[in-house]
Amino acid sequence: KDNKYFSRTCKAVKLKRDEFMRTVNVSQVIEADMRVVDFWEQRYLPFVQENMKPSTVSGYKQIWNQHLKRHFGQMTLQDYRTHVGSALLLSLTKTQGRRTLNHIRSLASGVFTHAINEGRLEINPWHDVKILGKVRAPKPTSHYTLEEAENIISALVEHVECQLMIALSFFAGLRPSEIAGLKWEDFDTDSVNIRRACVRSKVVTCKTPESVATLPLLSQVLAPWALWRQKKGNPKDGWVFANERGNPQDLKDVIR
């Protein structure tokens, strides 16, 4: 009942308890550590697929497959060190711009932050990763001239739906995902209401809250819009760009 009467027995039980718990704690540490590539596949990628937009997930996959998967190789979460990340970024400075390097660093850091939140790590080794070298200067942002924009639309004369998509991009500034997510009921007499986006046939919210807006349409957009609507039988609702199954269609391959 207490140490006074059962001191020998209680002490023995406590020792046996401590011995047992040491084996449990050791096994938990071993189980918590895993290869970074396995953690990405089993834990982090499912997390971002559930909580982030498809366009974000697609970007993460591209960065991972192109720059990080081979780099992490057989390394485990707990074995990874800060200087290894710095060496990776340094090796990429001759071929990648600062923006790409920042994306790589951000994704790698996010993977380890998620591991910390799962109790697998105490410190994020990417927190202090620095680019120890000069980064090549970014190229000036290119743009189309008005003449080039009109020539591209003219070249698509046999595909009025593609003319409309290009015109919405050039003359209304819509993102490809916003164009794919357009419905006939989004259009007024001389404007369009941006309400949703569509990425790989999946309807999602717009990239930012400010993207939900009403935009004026120029004649360069209204002309192909009227032709495409007439060709489709003057519909009042439904997807503007729909495939045979009635789902939003990606016309980029047709445009190419």
Protein backbone atom coordinates (compact mmCIF):
# COMPACT_ATOMS: atom_id res chain seq x y z
CA LYS A 1 0.00 0.00 0.00
CA ASP A 2 2.90 2.35 0.65
CA ASN A 3 6.70 2.34 0.83
CA LYS A 4 6.68 1.71 4.58
CA TYR A 5 5.28 -1.78 4.21
CA PHE A 6 6.15 -2.63 0.62
CA SER A 7 9.40 -0.74 0.00
CA ARG A 8 11.23 -3.62 -1.67
CA THR A 9 8.28 -4.51 -3.90
CA CYS A 10 7.50 -0.89 -4.85
CA LYS A 11 11.13 -0.19 -5.72
CA ALA A 12 11.32 -3.27 -7.88
CA VAL A 13 8.15 -2.30 -9.73
CA LYS A 14 9.43 1.24 -10.32
CA LEU A 15 12.73 -0.08 -11.69
CA LYS A 16 10.89 -2.47 -13.96
CA ARG A 17 8.62 0.39 -15.09
CA ASP A 18 11.60 2.64 -15.89
CA GLU A 19 13.31 -0.15 -17.80
CA PHE A 20 10.19 -0.80 -19.85
CA MET A 21 9.58 2.88 -20.61
CA ARG A 22 13.13 3.30 -21.87
CA THR A 23 12.47 0.67 -24.54
CA VAL A 24 9.17 2.34 -25.45
CA ASN A 25 10.72 5.80 -25.77
CA VAL A 26 13.60 4.51 -27.89
CA SER A 27 11.21 2.73 -30.23
CA GLN A 28 9.13 5.90 -30.57
CA VAL A 29 12.19 7.94 -31.56
CA ILE A 30 13.14 5.36 -34.18
CA GLU A 31 9.59 5.34 -35.52
CA ALA A 32 9.42 9.15 -35.60
CA ASP A 33 12.50 9.46 -37.82
CA MET A 34 12.05 8.63 -41.49
CA ARG A 35 13.52 9.48 -44.84
CA VAL A 36 12.60 12.95 -46.05
CA VAL A 37 11.31 11.53 -49.35
CA ASP A 38 9.04 9.11 -47.46
CA PHE A 39 7.76 11.91 -45.23
CA TRP A 40 6.96 13.96 -48.34
CA GLU A 41 5.07 11.09 -49.96
CA GLN A 42 3.23 9.80 -46.92
CA ARG A 43 2.63 12.92 -44.82
CA TYR A 44 3.34 16.29 -46.42
CA LEU A 45 1.97 15.78 -49.95
CA PRO A 46 -1.40 14.43 -48.69
CA PHE A 47 -1.56 17.42 -46.32
CA VAL A 48 -1.08 20.04 -49.06
CA GLN A 49 -3.43 18.20 -51.43
CA GLU A 50 -6.16 18.45 -48.81
CA ASN A 51 -5.53 22.03 -47.70
CA MET A 52 -4.13 23.96 -50.65
CA LYS A 53 -5.30 24.89 -54.13
CA PRO A 54 -4.54 22.55 -57.05
CA SER A 55 -2.30 25.17 -58.67
CA THR A 56 -0.22 25.39 -55.48
CA VAL A 57 0.03 21.60 -55.23
CA SER A 58 1.10 21.42 -58.87
CA GLY A 59 3.85 23.98 -58.26
CA TYR A 60 5.06 22.10 -55.18
CA LYS A 61 5.25 18.84 -57.13
CA GLN A 62 7.27 20.48 -59.88
CA ILE A 63 9.79 21.95 -57.43
CA TRP A 64 10.02 18.68 -55.52
CA ASN A 65 10.58 16.47 -58.57
CA GLN A 66 12.97 18.88 -60.28
CA HIS A 67 15.13 20.05 -57.38
CA LEU A 68 14.50 18.36 -54.03
CA LYS A 69 13.68 14.67 -54.44
CA ARG A 70 17.13 13.64 -55.68
CA HIS A 71 18.80 16.03 -53.23
CA PHE A 72 17.22 14.46 -50.14
CA GLY A 73 17.87 10.92 -51.40
CA GLN A 74 18.33 8.59 -48.44
CA MET A 75 18.68 11.32 -45.80
CA THR A 76 16.32 11.22 -42.83
CA LEU A 77 14.57 14.12 -41.16
CA GLN A 78 16.75 14.00 -38.06
CA ASP A 79 20.02 13.52 -39.94
CA TYR A 80 19.57 16.52 -42.25
CA ARG A 81 21.76 19.56 -41.54
CA THR A 82 21.57 23.25 -42.45
CA HIS A 83 24.83 23.37 -44.41
CA VAL A 84 23.53 20.69 -46.78
CA GLY A 85 20.64 22.95 -47.78
CA SER A 86 22.97 25.91 -48.28
CA ALA A 87 25.18 23.78 -50.52
CA LEU A 88 22.15 22.83 -52.62
CA LEU A 89 21.13 26.45 -53.18
CA LEU A 90 24.72 27.44 -53.97
CA SER A 91 24.90 24.72 -56.62
CA LEU A 92 21.78 26.14 -58.28
CA THR A 93 22.81 29.79 -58.40
CA LYS A 94 24.28 29.48 -61.89
CA THR A 95 21.14 28.05 -63.44
CA GLN A 96 18.26 29.40 -61.35
CA GLY A 97 17.06 32.89 -60.49
CA ARG A 98 16.42 34.23 -57.01
CA ARG A 99 12.68 33.67 -57.23
CA THR A 100 13.11 29.98 -58.02
CA LEU A 101 15.68 29.59 -55.24
CA ASN A 102 13.27 31.21 -52.79
CA HIS A 103 10.52 28.81 -53.88
CA ILE A 104 12.85 25.85 -53.33
CA ARG A 105 13.86 27.11 -49.90
CA SER A 106 10.25 27.81 -48.94
CA LEU A 107 9.03 24.33 -49.89
CA ALA A 108 11.92 22.54 -48.15
CA SER A 109 11.38 24.60 -45.01
CA GLY A 110 7.65 23.86 -45.14
CA VAL A 111 8.32 20.11 -45.20
CA PHE A 112 10.47 20.29 -42.07
CA THR A 113 8.07 22.67 -40.32
CA HIS A 114 5.33 20.10 -40.85
CA ALA A 115 7.60 17.44 -39.37
CA ILE A 116 8.11 19.63 -36.29
CA ASN A 117 4.36 20.04 -35.89
CA GLU A 118 4.02 16.25 -35.99
CA GLY A 119 6.57 15.89 -33.20
CA ARG A 120 9.28 14.33 -35.36
CA LEU A 121 11.78 17.20 -34.97
CA GLU A 122 12.59 20.03 -32.58
CA ILE A 123 14.47 22.37 -34.95
CA ASN A 124 13.95 23.19 -38.64
CA PRO A 125 17.37 22.81 -40.36
CA TRP A 126 16.18 25.02 -43.24
CA HIS A 127 15.44 27.96 -40.96
CA ASP A 128 18.99 29.32 -41.30
CA VAL A 129 19.75 28.11 -44.83
CA LYS A 130 21.37 30.95 -46.79
CA ILE A 131 22.39 31.37 -50.42
CA LEU A 132 26.18 31.58 -50.07
CA GLY A 133 26.94 33.07 -53.44
CA LYS A 134 25.85 35.51 -56.11
CA VAL A 135 22.53 34.87 -57.78
CA ARG A 136 22.21 35.56 -61.48
CA ALA A 137 20.27 38.68 -62.31
CA PRO A 138 16.69 38.10 -63.44
CA LYS A 139 15.80 38.71 -67.06
CA PRO A 140 13.52 41.65 -67.84
CA THR A 141 9.86 40.67 -67.93
CA SER A 142 8.83 40.20 -71.56
CA HIS A 143 5.52 41.41 -72.95
CA TYR A 144 3.54 41.35 -76.15
CA THR A 145 2.95 44.45 -78.21
CA LEU A 146 -0.57 45.32 -79.33
CA GLU A 147 0.34 44.26 -82.87
CA GLU A 148 1.61 40.88 -81.66
CA ALA A 149 -1.54 40.33 -79.61
CA GLU A 150 -3.76 41.07 -82.61
CA ASN A 151 -1.62 38.82 -84.83
CA ILE A 152 -2.00 35.91 -82.39
CA ILE A 153 -5.77 36.32 -82.35
CA SER A 154 -5.84 36.54 -86.16
CA ALA A 155 -3.83 33.32 -86.43
CA LEU A 156 -6.61 31.52 -84.51
CA VAL A 157 -9.30 32.53 -87.00
CA GLU A 158 -10.47 28.91 -87.37
CA HIS A 159 -10.92 28.55 -83.59
CA VAL A 160 -13.14 31.33 -82.32
CA GLU A 161 -13.25 29.82 -78.83
CA CYS A 162 -9.45 30.12 -78.67
CA GLN A 163 -9.64 33.69 -79.97
CA LEU A 164 -11.99 34.49 -77.10
CA MET A 165 -9.68 32.87 -74.54
CA ILE A 166 -6.66 34.79 -75.81
CA ALA A 167 -8.65 38.05 -75.96
CA LEU A 168 -9.77 37.60 -72.35
CA SER A 169 -6.14 37.18 -71.36
CA PHE A 170 -4.73 40.08 -73.42
CA PHE A 171 -7.48 42.66 -73.09
CA ALA A 172 -9.13 41.82 -69.75
CA GLY A 173 -6.12 40.48 -67.85
CA LEU A 174 -7.77 37.24 -66.72
CA ARG A 175 -5.66 34.35 -65.48
CA PRO A 176 -5.96 31.03 -67.38
CA SER A 177 -7.73 29.47 -64.40
CA GLU A 178 -10.25 32.34 -64.30
CA ILE A 179 -10.92 32.00 -68.03
CA ALA A 180 -11.50 28.25 -67.69
CA GLY A 181 -13.94 28.94 -64.85
CA LEU A 182 -16.18 31.35 -66.77
CA LYS A 183 -19.90 30.71 -67.24
CA TRP A 184 -22.25 32.43 -69.67
CA GLU A 185 -24.18 33.95 -66.80
CA ASP A 186 -21.00 35.74 -65.67
CA PHE A 187 -21.24 38.11 -68.64
CA ASP A 188 -23.23 41.33 -68.78
CA THR A 189 -23.63 43.68 -71.73
CA ASP A 190 -20.10 45.06 -71.58
CA SER A 191 -18.47 43.44 -68.52
CA VAL A 192 -17.60 40.10 -66.98
CA ASN A 193 -17.91 39.00 -63.36
CA ILE A 194 -14.98 36.95 -62.05
CA ARG A 195 -16.42 34.55 -59.46
CA ARG A 196 -14.39 31.34 -59.58
CA ALA A 197 -11.37 29.60 -61.08
CA CYS A 198 -10.88 26.18 -62.59
CA VAL A 199 -7.64 24.19 -62.49
CA ARG A 200 -7.49 20.88 -64.37
CA SER A 201 -11.29 20.62 -64.46
CA LYS A 202 -11.54 21.24 -60.71
CA VAL A 203 -13.51 24.33 -59.66
CA VAL A 204 -11.77 26.36 -56.94
CA THR A 205 -11.90 29.86 -55.50
CA CYS A 206 -9.98 32.67 -57.15
CA LYS A 207 -6.32 33.10 -56.30
CA THR A 208 -6.95 36.14 -54.09
CA PRO A 209 -10.09 37.76 -52.63
CA GLU A 210 -9.34 40.85 -54.74
CA SER A 211 -9.59 38.72 -57.89
CA VAL A 212 -13.35 38.41 -57.40
CA ALA A 213 -14.39 41.47 -59.36
CA THR A 214 -16.35 42.91 -62.27
CA LEU A 215 -14.19 43.90 -65.23
CA PRO A 216 -15.10 45.98 -68.30
CA LEU A 217 -14.74 44.33 -71.70
CA LEU A 218 -13.27 45.98 -74.79
CA SER A 219 -14.49 45.39 -78.33
CA GLN A 220 -11.54 43.02 -78.89
CA VAL A 221 -13.19 40.68 -76.35
CA LEU A 222 -16.86 41.31 -77.09
CA ALA A 223 -16.51 40.45 -80.79
CA PRO A 224 -15.19 36.87 -80.34
CA TRP A 225 -17.51 36.42 -77.35
CA ALA A 226 -20.57 37.16 -79.50
CA LEU A 227 -19.34 34.85 -82.28
CA TRP A 228 -18.63 31.98 -79.88
CA ARG A 229 -21.97 32.38 -78.11
CA GLN A 230 -23.79 32.38 -81.44
CA LYS A 231 -21.93 29.26 -82.52
CA LYS A 232 -22.99 27.52 -79.30
CA GLY A 233 -26.67 28.38 -79.83
CA ASN A 234 -26.86 31.52 -77.64
CA PRO A 235 -26.79 29.75 -74.25
CA LYS A 236 -27.72 31.67 -71.11
CA ASP A 237 -25.90 29.48 -68.59
CA GLY A 238 -23.26 26.78 -68.32
CA TRP A 239 -19.51 26.75 -68.95
CA VAL A 240 -18.24 29.05 -71.69
CA PHE A 241 -15.51 26.54 -72.56
CA ALA A 242 -16.90 23.05 -72.03
CA ASN A 243 -15.72 19.65 -73.24
CA GLU A 244 -17.90 16.81 -74.56
CA ARG A 245 -18.77 15.75 -71.01
CA GLY A 246 -19.90 19.22 -70.05
CA ASN A 247 -16.88 19.97 -67.85
CA PRO A 248 -14.58 23.00 -68.14
CA GLN A 249 -12.13 22.54 -71.01
CA ASP A 250 -8.45 23.45 -71.20
CA LEU A 251 -7.76 24.92 -74.65
CA LYS A 252 -4.02 25.49 -74.25
CA ASP A 253 -3.08 22.51 -76.40
CA VAL A 254 -5.41 23.70 -79.17
CA ILE A 255 -3.88 27.17 -78.99
CA ARG A 256 -0.36 25.70 -79.30
